Amino acid sequence: MEDYVYVLDYLPKGRADLPPHKRHPTVYSIGENQFTLLELVPKNDATFTIGERIYVGKDPVLRKKIAKIKGRVSFEDMTSTAHGEMPYVILDIVHDQKEKFLKFYNESPAISTRFHVLELLPGLGKKMMHDILDERK
């Protein structure tokens, strides 16, 4: 499970498509390590900004803004604001953890003599894979 998440959207009055008696404040977020999309229930006095990094781990002392994790949420169930902010937040996550992602590209192994791990990445064909491997040498 994720220990830290980044806020994609904060709805202080809840989702407008729910009946009034079922509305509660909601935070949509993306996990820092596994990019898990989560729906969170904030504590009463908490306020959030989009892109803010918050703790959602098991330690109750460190969890200052989140009351509970409601669960995972699909991309389609998120708000349009969350959809729009997601590329920017992912860019921030990758920028903050450059070493981790560069290590993947620099140390990715071949699966077999004809197939490489880099070929599994969407939009990366054989030509681009060979260019990356040549740069590594």
N, C-alpha and C. Protein backbone atom coordinates (compact mmCIF):
# COMPACT_ATOMS: atom_id res chain seq x y z
N MET A 1 0.84 -1.18 0.00
CA MET A 1 0.00 0.00 0.00
C MET A 1 0.88 1.25 0.00
N GLU A 2 0.33 2.32 -0.43
CA GLU A 2 1.05 3.58 -0.54
C GLU A 2 1.19 4.25 0.84
N ASP A 3 2.35 4.85 1.08
CA ASP A 3 2.54 5.64 2.30
C ASP A 3 2.28 7.12 2.05
N TYR A 4 2.65 7.58 0.87
CA TYR A 4 2.44 8.98 0.51
C TYR A 4 1.66 9.06 -0.79
N VAL A 5 0.78 10.06 -0.87
CA VAL A 5 0.00 10.30 -2.09
C VAL A 5 0.07 11.79 -2.42
N TYR A 6 -0.26 12.09 -3.66
CA TYR A 6 -0.35 13.47 -4.13
C TYR A 6 -1.82 13.77 -4.42
N VAL A 7 -2.29 14.91 -3.98
CA VAL A 7 -3.68 15.31 -4.15
C VAL A 7 -3.94 15.70 -5.61
N LEU A 8 -4.97 15.09 -6.20
CA LEU A 8 -5.39 15.44 -7.56
C LEU A 8 -6.60 16.37 -7.54
N ASP A 9 -7.49 16.18 -6.58
CA ASP A 9 -8.67 17.04 -6.46
C ASP A 9 -9.22 16.94 -5.05
N TYR A 10 -9.77 18.04 -4.57
CA TYR A 10 -10.37 18.10 -3.24
C TYR A 10 -11.78 18.66 -3.38
N LEU A 11 -12.76 17.88 -2.92
CA LEU A 11 -14.16 18.28 -2.96
C LEU A 11 -14.64 18.48 -1.52
N PRO A 12 -14.62 19.71 -1.01
CA PRO A 12 -14.98 19.94 0.40
C PRO A 12 -16.44 19.62 0.71
N LYS A 13 -17.31 19.69 -0.28
CA LYS A 13 -18.73 19.39 -0.06
C LYS A 13 -19.14 18.04 -0.65
N GLY A 14 -18.20 17.27 -1.16
CA GLY A 14 -18.50 15.97 -1.73
C GLY A 14 -18.88 16.05 -3.19
N ARG A 15 -19.16 14.90 -3.75
CA ARG A 15 -19.52 14.82 -5.17
C ARG A 15 -20.94 15.35 -5.39
N ALA A 16 -21.11 16.15 -6.42
CA ALA A 16 -22.42 16.75 -6.71
C ALA A 16 -23.41 15.74 -7.26
N ASP A 17 -22.92 14.62 -7.81
CA ASP A 17 -23.82 13.63 -8.40
C ASP A 17 -24.42 12.68 -7.36
N LEU A 18 -24.02 12.81 -6.10
CA LEU A 18 -24.58 11.97 -5.04
C LEU A 18 -25.73 12.71 -4.35
N PRO A 19 -26.68 11.97 -3.77
CA PRO A 19 -27.74 12.63 -3.01
C PRO A 19 -27.15 13.37 -1.80
N PRO A 20 -27.80 14.43 -1.36
CA PRO A 20 -27.24 15.26 -0.27
C PRO A 20 -26.89 14.49 1.00
N HIS A 21 -27.66 13.48 1.35
CA HIS A 21 -27.39 12.76 2.59
C HIS A 21 -26.18 11.83 2.48
N LYS A 22 -25.68 11.58 1.27
CA LYS A 22 -24.51 10.71 1.09
C LYS A 22 -23.24 11.49 0.76
N ARG A 23 -23.33 12.79 0.69
CA ARG A 23 -22.16 13.61 0.36
C ARG A 23 -21.28 13.80 1.58
N HIS A 24 -20.00 13.65 1.37
CA HIS A 24 -19.01 13.95 2.40
C HIS A 24 -17.75 14.44 1.72
N PRO A 25 -16.91 15.20 2.41
CA PRO A 25 -15.69 15.70 1.78
C PRO A 25 -14.86 14.56 1.22
N THR A 26 -14.29 14.78 0.05
CA THR A 26 -13.55 13.74 -0.66
C THR A 26 -12.26 14.30 -1.22
N VAL A 27 -11.22 13.49 -1.16
CA VAL A 27 -9.94 13.82 -1.76
C VAL A 27 -9.59 12.71 -2.74
N TYR A 28 -9.31 13.09 -3.99
CA TYR A 28 -8.83 12.13 -4.97
C TYR A 28 -7.32 12.28 -5.06
N SER A 29 -6.61 11.16 -5.05
CA SER A 29 -5.16 11.22 -5.01
C SER A 29 -4.53 10.10 -5.82
N ILE A 30 -3.22 10.24 -6.05
CA ILE A 30 -2.44 9.23 -6.75
C ILE A 30 -1.24 8.88 -5.88
N GLY A 31 -0.97 7.58 -5.76
CA GLY A 31 0.12 7.11 -4.92
C GLY A 31 1.49 7.44 -5.48
N GLU A 32 2.43 7.61 -4.58
CA GLU A 32 3.78 8.01 -4.96
C GLU A 32 4.59 6.86 -5.55
N ASN A 33 4.42 5.65 -5.06
CA ASN A 33 5.25 4.53 -5.52
C ASN A 33 4.61 3.70 -6.61
N GLN A 34 3.35 3.37 -6.46
CA GLN A 34 2.68 2.47 -7.40
C GLN A 34 1.63 3.18 -8.25
N PHE A 35 1.51 4.48 -8.12
CA PHE A 35 0.55 5.29 -8.88
C PHE A 35 -0.88 4.77 -8.72
N THR A 36 -1.21 4.33 -7.51
CA THR A 36 -2.55 3.85 -7.19
C THR A 36 -3.49 5.05 -7.06
N LEU A 37 -4.65 4.97 -7.70
CA LEU A 37 -5.66 6.03 -7.59
C LEU A 37 -6.53 5.73 -6.37
N LEU A 38 -6.59 6.69 -5.44
CA LEU A 38 -7.30 6.47 -4.19
C LEU A 38 -8.32 7.57 -3.93
N GLU A 39 -9.40 7.16 -3.25
CA GLU A 39 -10.40 8.11 -2.74
C GLU A 39 -10.23 8.16 -1.23
N LEU A 40 -10.03 9.35 -0.70
CA LEU A 40 -9.73 9.52 0.72
C LEU A 40 -10.81 10.35 1.41
N VAL A 41 -10.99 10.10 2.70
CA VAL A 41 -11.90 10.89 3.52
C VAL A 41 -11.03 11.75 4.44
N PRO A 42 -11.08 13.08 4.29
CA PRO A 42 -10.22 13.95 5.10
C PRO A 42 -10.78 14.15 6.51
N LYS A 43 -9.90 14.59 7.40
CA LYS A 43 -10.34 14.99 8.73
C LYS A 43 -11.10 16.30 8.61
N ASN A 44 -11.91 16.62 9.61
CA ASN A 44 -12.82 17.77 9.54
C ASN A 44 -12.13 19.11 9.32
N ASP A 45 -11.00 19.34 9.95
CA ASP A 45 -10.35 20.64 9.87
C ASP A 45 -9.29 20.74 8.77
N ALA A 46 -9.15 19.72 7.96
CA ALA A 46 -8.07 19.68 6.97
C ALA A 46 -8.43 20.45 5.70
N THR A 47 -7.44 21.10 5.13
CA THR A 47 -7.57 21.74 3.82
C THR A 47 -6.45 21.22 2.94
N PHE A 48 -6.68 21.24 1.63
CA PHE A 48 -5.74 20.64 0.69
C PHE A 48 -5.50 21.56 -0.50
N THR A 49 -4.34 21.42 -1.09
CA THR A 49 -4.05 22.07 -2.36
C THR A 49 -3.71 20.98 -3.36
N ILE A 50 -4.02 21.22 -4.61
CA ILE A 50 -3.75 20.23 -5.66
C ILE A 50 -2.24 20.10 -5.81
N GLY A 51 -1.79 18.85 -5.86
CA GLY A 51 -0.36 18.57 -5.98
C GLY A 51 0.34 18.40 -4.64
N GLU A 52 -0.39 18.59 -3.56
CA GLU A 52 0.20 18.48 -2.22
C GLU A 52 0.51 17.01 -1.90
N ARG A 53 1.66 16.78 -1.28
CA ARG A 53 2.06 15.43 -0.88
C ARG A 53 1.62 15.22 0.57
N ILE A 54 0.84 14.15 0.81
CA ILE A 54 0.33 13.89 2.16
C ILE A 54 0.58 12.44 2.54
N TYR A 55 0.70 12.20 3.83
CA TYR A 55 0.94 10.87 4.36
C TYR A 55 -0.39 10.15 4.57
N VAL A 56 -0.47 8.89 4.10
CA VAL A 56 -1.67 8.08 4.30
C VAL A 56 -1.32 6.69 4.83
N GLY A 57 -0.10 6.54 5.35
CA GLY A 57 0.36 5.24 5.85
C GLY A 57 -0.37 4.82 7.11
N LYS A 58 0.16 3.78 7.75
CA LYS A 58 -0.51 3.19 8.90
C LYS A 58 -0.25 3.94 10.22
N ASP A 59 0.79 4.75 10.29
CA ASP A 59 1.12 5.44 11.53
C ASP A 59 0.13 6.58 11.80
N PRO A 60 -0.70 6.45 12.85
CA PRO A 60 -1.72 7.49 13.12
C PRO A 60 -1.13 8.83 13.55
N VAL A 61 0.09 8.84 14.08
CA VAL A 61 0.71 10.09 14.50
C VAL A 61 1.07 10.95 13.29
N LEU A 62 1.55 10.31 12.23
CA LEU A 62 1.95 11.04 11.03
C LEU A 62 0.77 11.39 10.13
N ARG A 63 -0.33 10.67 10.27
CA ARG A 63 -1.49 10.91 9.41
C ARG A 63 -2.31 12.05 10.00
N LYS A 64 -1.97 13.27 9.60
CA LYS A 64 -2.59 14.45 10.20
C LYS A 64 -3.80 14.96 9.45
N LYS A 65 -3.93 14.68 8.17
CA LYS A 65 -5.00 15.27 7.37
C LYS A 65 -6.06 14.27 6.90
N ILE A 66 -5.76 12.98 6.93
CA ILE A 66 -6.66 11.97 6.38
C ILE A 66 -7.26 11.13 7.50
N ALA A 67 -8.58 11.03 7.50
CA ALA A 67 -9.28 10.21 8.49
C ALA A 67 -9.22 8.74 8.09
N LYS A 68 -9.53 8.45 6.81
CA LYS A 68 -9.47 7.07 6.34
C LYS A 68 -9.34 7.03 4.83
N ILE A 69 -8.88 5.90 4.35
CA ILE A 69 -8.82 5.64 2.92
C ILE A 69 -10.09 4.91 2.54
N LYS A 70 -10.90 5.53 1.72
CA LYS A 70 -12.17 4.92 1.34
C LYS A 70 -11.94 3.73 0.41
N GLY A 71 -10.94 3.84 -0.46
CA GLY A 71 -10.61 2.73 -1.34
C GLY A 71 -10.02 3.19 -2.65
N ARG A 72 -9.75 2.21 -3.48
CA ARG A 72 -9.25 2.52 -4.82
C ARG A 72 -10.39 3.04 -5.67
N VAL A 73 -10.03 3.82 -6.66
CA VAL A 73 -11.02 4.39 -7.56
C VAL A 73 -10.49 4.25 -8.98
N SER A 74 -11.38 4.03 -9.92
CA SER A 74 -10.96 3.92 -11.31
C SER A 74 -10.79 5.31 -11.91
N PHE A 75 -10.05 5.38 -12.99
CA PHE A 75 -9.80 6.66 -13.66
C PHE A 75 -11.11 7.30 -14.10
N GLU A 76 -12.05 6.51 -14.57
CA GLU A 76 -13.32 7.03 -15.07
C GLU A 76 -14.18 7.63 -13.96
N ASP A 77 -14.01 7.16 -12.74
CA ASP A 77 -14.82 7.65 -11.62
C ASP A 77 -14.28 8.93 -10.99
N MET A 78 -13.12 9.37 -11.42
CA MET A 78 -12.52 10.59 -10.87
C MET A 78 -13.12 11.82 -11.56
N THR A 79 -12.93 12.97 -10.95
CA THR A 79 -13.47 14.21 -11.49
C THR A 79 -12.63 14.69 -12.68
N SER A 80 -13.19 15.60 -13.44
CA SER A 80 -12.46 16.14 -14.60
C SER A 80 -11.24 16.95 -14.15
N THR A 81 -11.33 17.57 -12.99
CA THR A 81 -10.17 18.28 -12.45
C THR A 81 -9.03 17.31 -12.17
N ALA A 82 -9.36 16.16 -11.59
CA ALA A 82 -8.34 15.14 -11.31
C ALA A 82 -7.73 14.63 -12.61
N HIS A 83 -8.57 14.45 -13.64
CA HIS A 83 -8.06 14.02 -14.95
C HIS A 83 -7.07 15.04 -15.50
N GLY A 84 -7.40 16.31 -15.38
CA GLY A 84 -6.55 17.36 -15.92
C GLY A 84 -5.25 17.54 -15.15
N GLU A 85 -5.29 17.34 -13.85
CA GLU A 85 -4.10 17.53 -13.01
C GLU A 85 -3.17 16.33 -13.01
N MET A 86 -3.67 15.17 -13.39
CA MET A 86 -2.87 13.95 -13.29
C MET A 86 -1.54 14.01 -14.04
N PRO A 87 -1.48 14.47 -15.30
CA PRO A 87 -0.17 14.51 -15.99
C PRO A 87 0.85 15.38 -15.26
N TYR A 88 0.42 16.50 -14.70
CA TYR A 88 1.33 17.40 -14.01
C TYR A 88 1.83 16.79 -12.70
N VAL A 89 0.94 16.12 -11.99
CA VAL A 89 1.34 15.50 -10.73
C VAL A 89 2.27 14.32 -10.99
N ILE A 90 1.99 13.53 -12.03
CA ILE A 90 2.88 12.41 -12.38
C ILE A 90 4.25 12.95 -12.77
N LEU A 91 4.28 14.05 -13.50
CA LEU A 91 5.55 14.68 -13.86
C LEU A 91 6.32 15.10 -12.61
N ASP A 92 5.63 15.63 -11.61
CA ASP A 92 6.28 16.00 -10.35
C ASP A 92 6.83 14.77 -9.63
N ILE A 93 6.06 13.68 -9.62
CA ILE A 93 6.51 12.45 -8.96
C ILE A 93 7.77 11.93 -9.64
N VAL A 94 7.75 11.88 -10.97
CA VAL A 94 8.91 11.39 -11.71
C VAL A 94 10.11 12.31 -11.49
N HIS A 95 9.86 13.62 -11.46
CA HIS A 95 10.95 14.58 -11.24
C HIS A 95 11.56 14.40 -9.84
N ASP A 96 10.72 14.15 -8.85
CA ASP A 96 11.21 13.97 -7.48
C ASP A 96 11.96 12.66 -7.29
N GLN A 97 11.69 11.67 -8.14
CA GLN A 97 12.32 10.35 -8.02
C GLN A 97 13.09 10.00 -9.29
N LYS A 98 13.84 10.95 -9.81
CA LYS A 98 14.58 10.76 -11.06
C LYS A 98 15.45 9.51 -11.03
N GLU A 99 16.16 9.32 -9.94
CA GLU A 99 17.12 8.22 -9.84
C GLU A 99 16.44 6.87 -10.04
N LYS A 100 15.27 6.71 -9.46
CA LYS A 100 14.53 5.45 -9.56
C LYS A 100 14.17 5.14 -11.01
N PHE A 101 13.70 6.13 -11.75
CA PHE A 101 13.27 5.90 -13.12
C PHE A 101 14.45 5.78 -14.07
N LEU A 102 15.51 6.55 -13.82
CA LEU A 102 16.71 6.42 -14.64
C LEU A 102 17.36 5.06 -14.43
N LYS A 103 17.32 4.57 -13.20
CA LYS A 103 17.88 3.25 -12.91
C LYS A 103 17.14 2.18 -13.70
N PHE A 104 15.82 2.32 -13.84
CA PHE A 104 15.05 1.35 -14.62
C PHE A 104 15.53 1.32 -16.07
N TYR A 105 15.69 2.49 -16.67
CA TYR A 105 16.14 2.55 -18.07
C TYR A 105 17.58 2.07 -18.21
N ASN A 106 18.42 2.41 -17.25
CA ASN A 106 19.84 2.07 -17.37
C ASN A 106 20.17 0.63 -17.03
N GLU A 107 19.34 -0.01 -16.23
CA GLU A 107 19.64 -1.37 -15.78
C GLU A 107 18.62 -2.40 -16.22
N SER A 108 17.71 -2.04 -17.09
CA SER A 108 16.68 -3.00 -17.52
C SER A 108 17.32 -4.12 -18.33
N PRO A 109 17.00 -5.38 -17.99
CA PRO A 109 17.64 -6.52 -18.65
C PRO A 109 16.83 -7.02 -19.85
N ALA A 110 17.45 -7.92 -20.59
CA ALA A 110 16.76 -8.61 -21.67
C ALA A 110 15.97 -9.77 -21.07
N ILE A 111 14.76 -9.99 -21.57
CA ILE A 111 13.96 -11.11 -21.10
C ILE A 111 14.44 -12.40 -21.76
N SER A 112 14.68 -12.33 -23.05
CA SER A 112 15.23 -13.45 -23.81
C SER A 112 16.18 -12.87 -24.85
N THR A 113 16.69 -13.71 -25.72
CA THR A 113 17.62 -13.22 -26.75
C THR A 113 16.93 -12.34 -27.77
N ARG A 114 15.62 -12.44 -27.90
CA ARG A 114 14.89 -11.65 -28.89
C ARG A 114 13.95 -10.60 -28.29
N PHE A 115 13.85 -10.57 -26.97
CA PHE A 115 12.85 -9.69 -26.35
C PHE A 115 13.47 -8.96 -25.16
N HIS A 116 13.22 -7.67 -25.06
CA HIS A 116 13.79 -6.84 -24.00
C HIS A 116 12.67 -6.21 -23.17
N VAL A 117 12.96 -5.92 -21.92
CA VAL A 117 11.98 -5.30 -21.02
C VAL A 117 11.50 -3.96 -21.57
N LEU A 118 12.39 -3.21 -22.20
CA LEU A 118 12.01 -1.90 -22.73
C LEU A 118 10.92 -1.98 -23.80
N GLU A 119 10.82 -3.13 -24.47
CA GLU A 119 9.78 -3.29 -25.50
C GLU A 119 8.38 -3.34 -24.90
N LEU A 120 8.28 -3.59 -23.61
CA LEU A 120 6.97 -3.65 -22.95
C LEU A 120 6.38 -2.26 -22.68
N LEU A 121 7.21 -1.23 -22.76
CA LEU A 121 6.72 0.12 -22.53
C LEU A 121 5.93 0.61 -23.74
N PRO A 122 4.75 1.18 -23.52
CA PRO A 122 3.94 1.66 -24.65
C PRO A 122 4.64 2.79 -25.39
N GLY A 123 4.59 2.72 -26.70
CA GLY A 123 5.17 3.76 -27.54
C GLY A 123 6.66 3.61 -27.77
N LEU A 124 7.25 2.56 -27.25
CA LEU A 124 8.68 2.33 -27.42
C LEU A 124 8.87 1.11 -28.31
N GLY A 125 9.29 1.33 -29.53
CA GLY A 125 9.48 0.24 -30.47
C GLY A 125 10.91 -0.27 -30.45
N LYS A 126 11.18 -1.17 -31.40
CA LYS A 126 12.51 -1.77 -31.48
C LYS A 126 13.59 -0.73 -31.77
N LYS A 127 13.29 0.21 -32.68
CA LYS A 127 14.30 1.20 -33.06
C LYS A 127 14.68 2.07 -31.86
N MET A 128 13.69 2.57 -31.14
CA MET A 128 13.95 3.40 -29.96
C MET A 128 14.67 2.58 -28.89
N MET A 129 14.28 1.31 -28.72
CA MET A 129 14.93 0.44 -27.74
C MET A 129 16.41 0.28 -28.08
N HIS A 130 16.72 0.05 -29.36
CA HIS A 130 18.12 -0.11 -29.77
C HIS A 130 18.90 1.19 -29.56
N ASP A 131 18.27 2.33 -29.79
CA ASP A 131 18.93 3.62 -29.55
C ASP A 131 19.26 3.79 -28.06
N ILE A 132 18.32 3.41 -27.19
CA ILE A 132 18.55 3.50 -25.74
C ILE A 132 19.68 2.56 -25.32
N LEU A 133 19.66 1.34 -25.85
CA LEU A 133 20.70 0.37 -25.49
C LEU A 133 22.07 0.82 -26.00
N ASP A 134 22.12 1.44 -27.17
CA ASP A 134 23.39 1.94 -27.70
C ASP A 134 23.92 3.09 -26.84
N GLU A 135 23.02 3.95 -26.35
CA GLU A 135 23.43 5.06 -25.48
C GLU A 135 23.96 4.56 -24.15
N ARG A 136 23.42 3.44 -23.67
CA ARG A 136 23.86 2.89 -22.39
C ARG A 136 25.31 2.43 -22.44
N LYS A 137 25.75 1.97 -23.60
CA LYS A 137 27.11 1.43 -23.74
C LYS A 137 28.10 2.48 -23.71
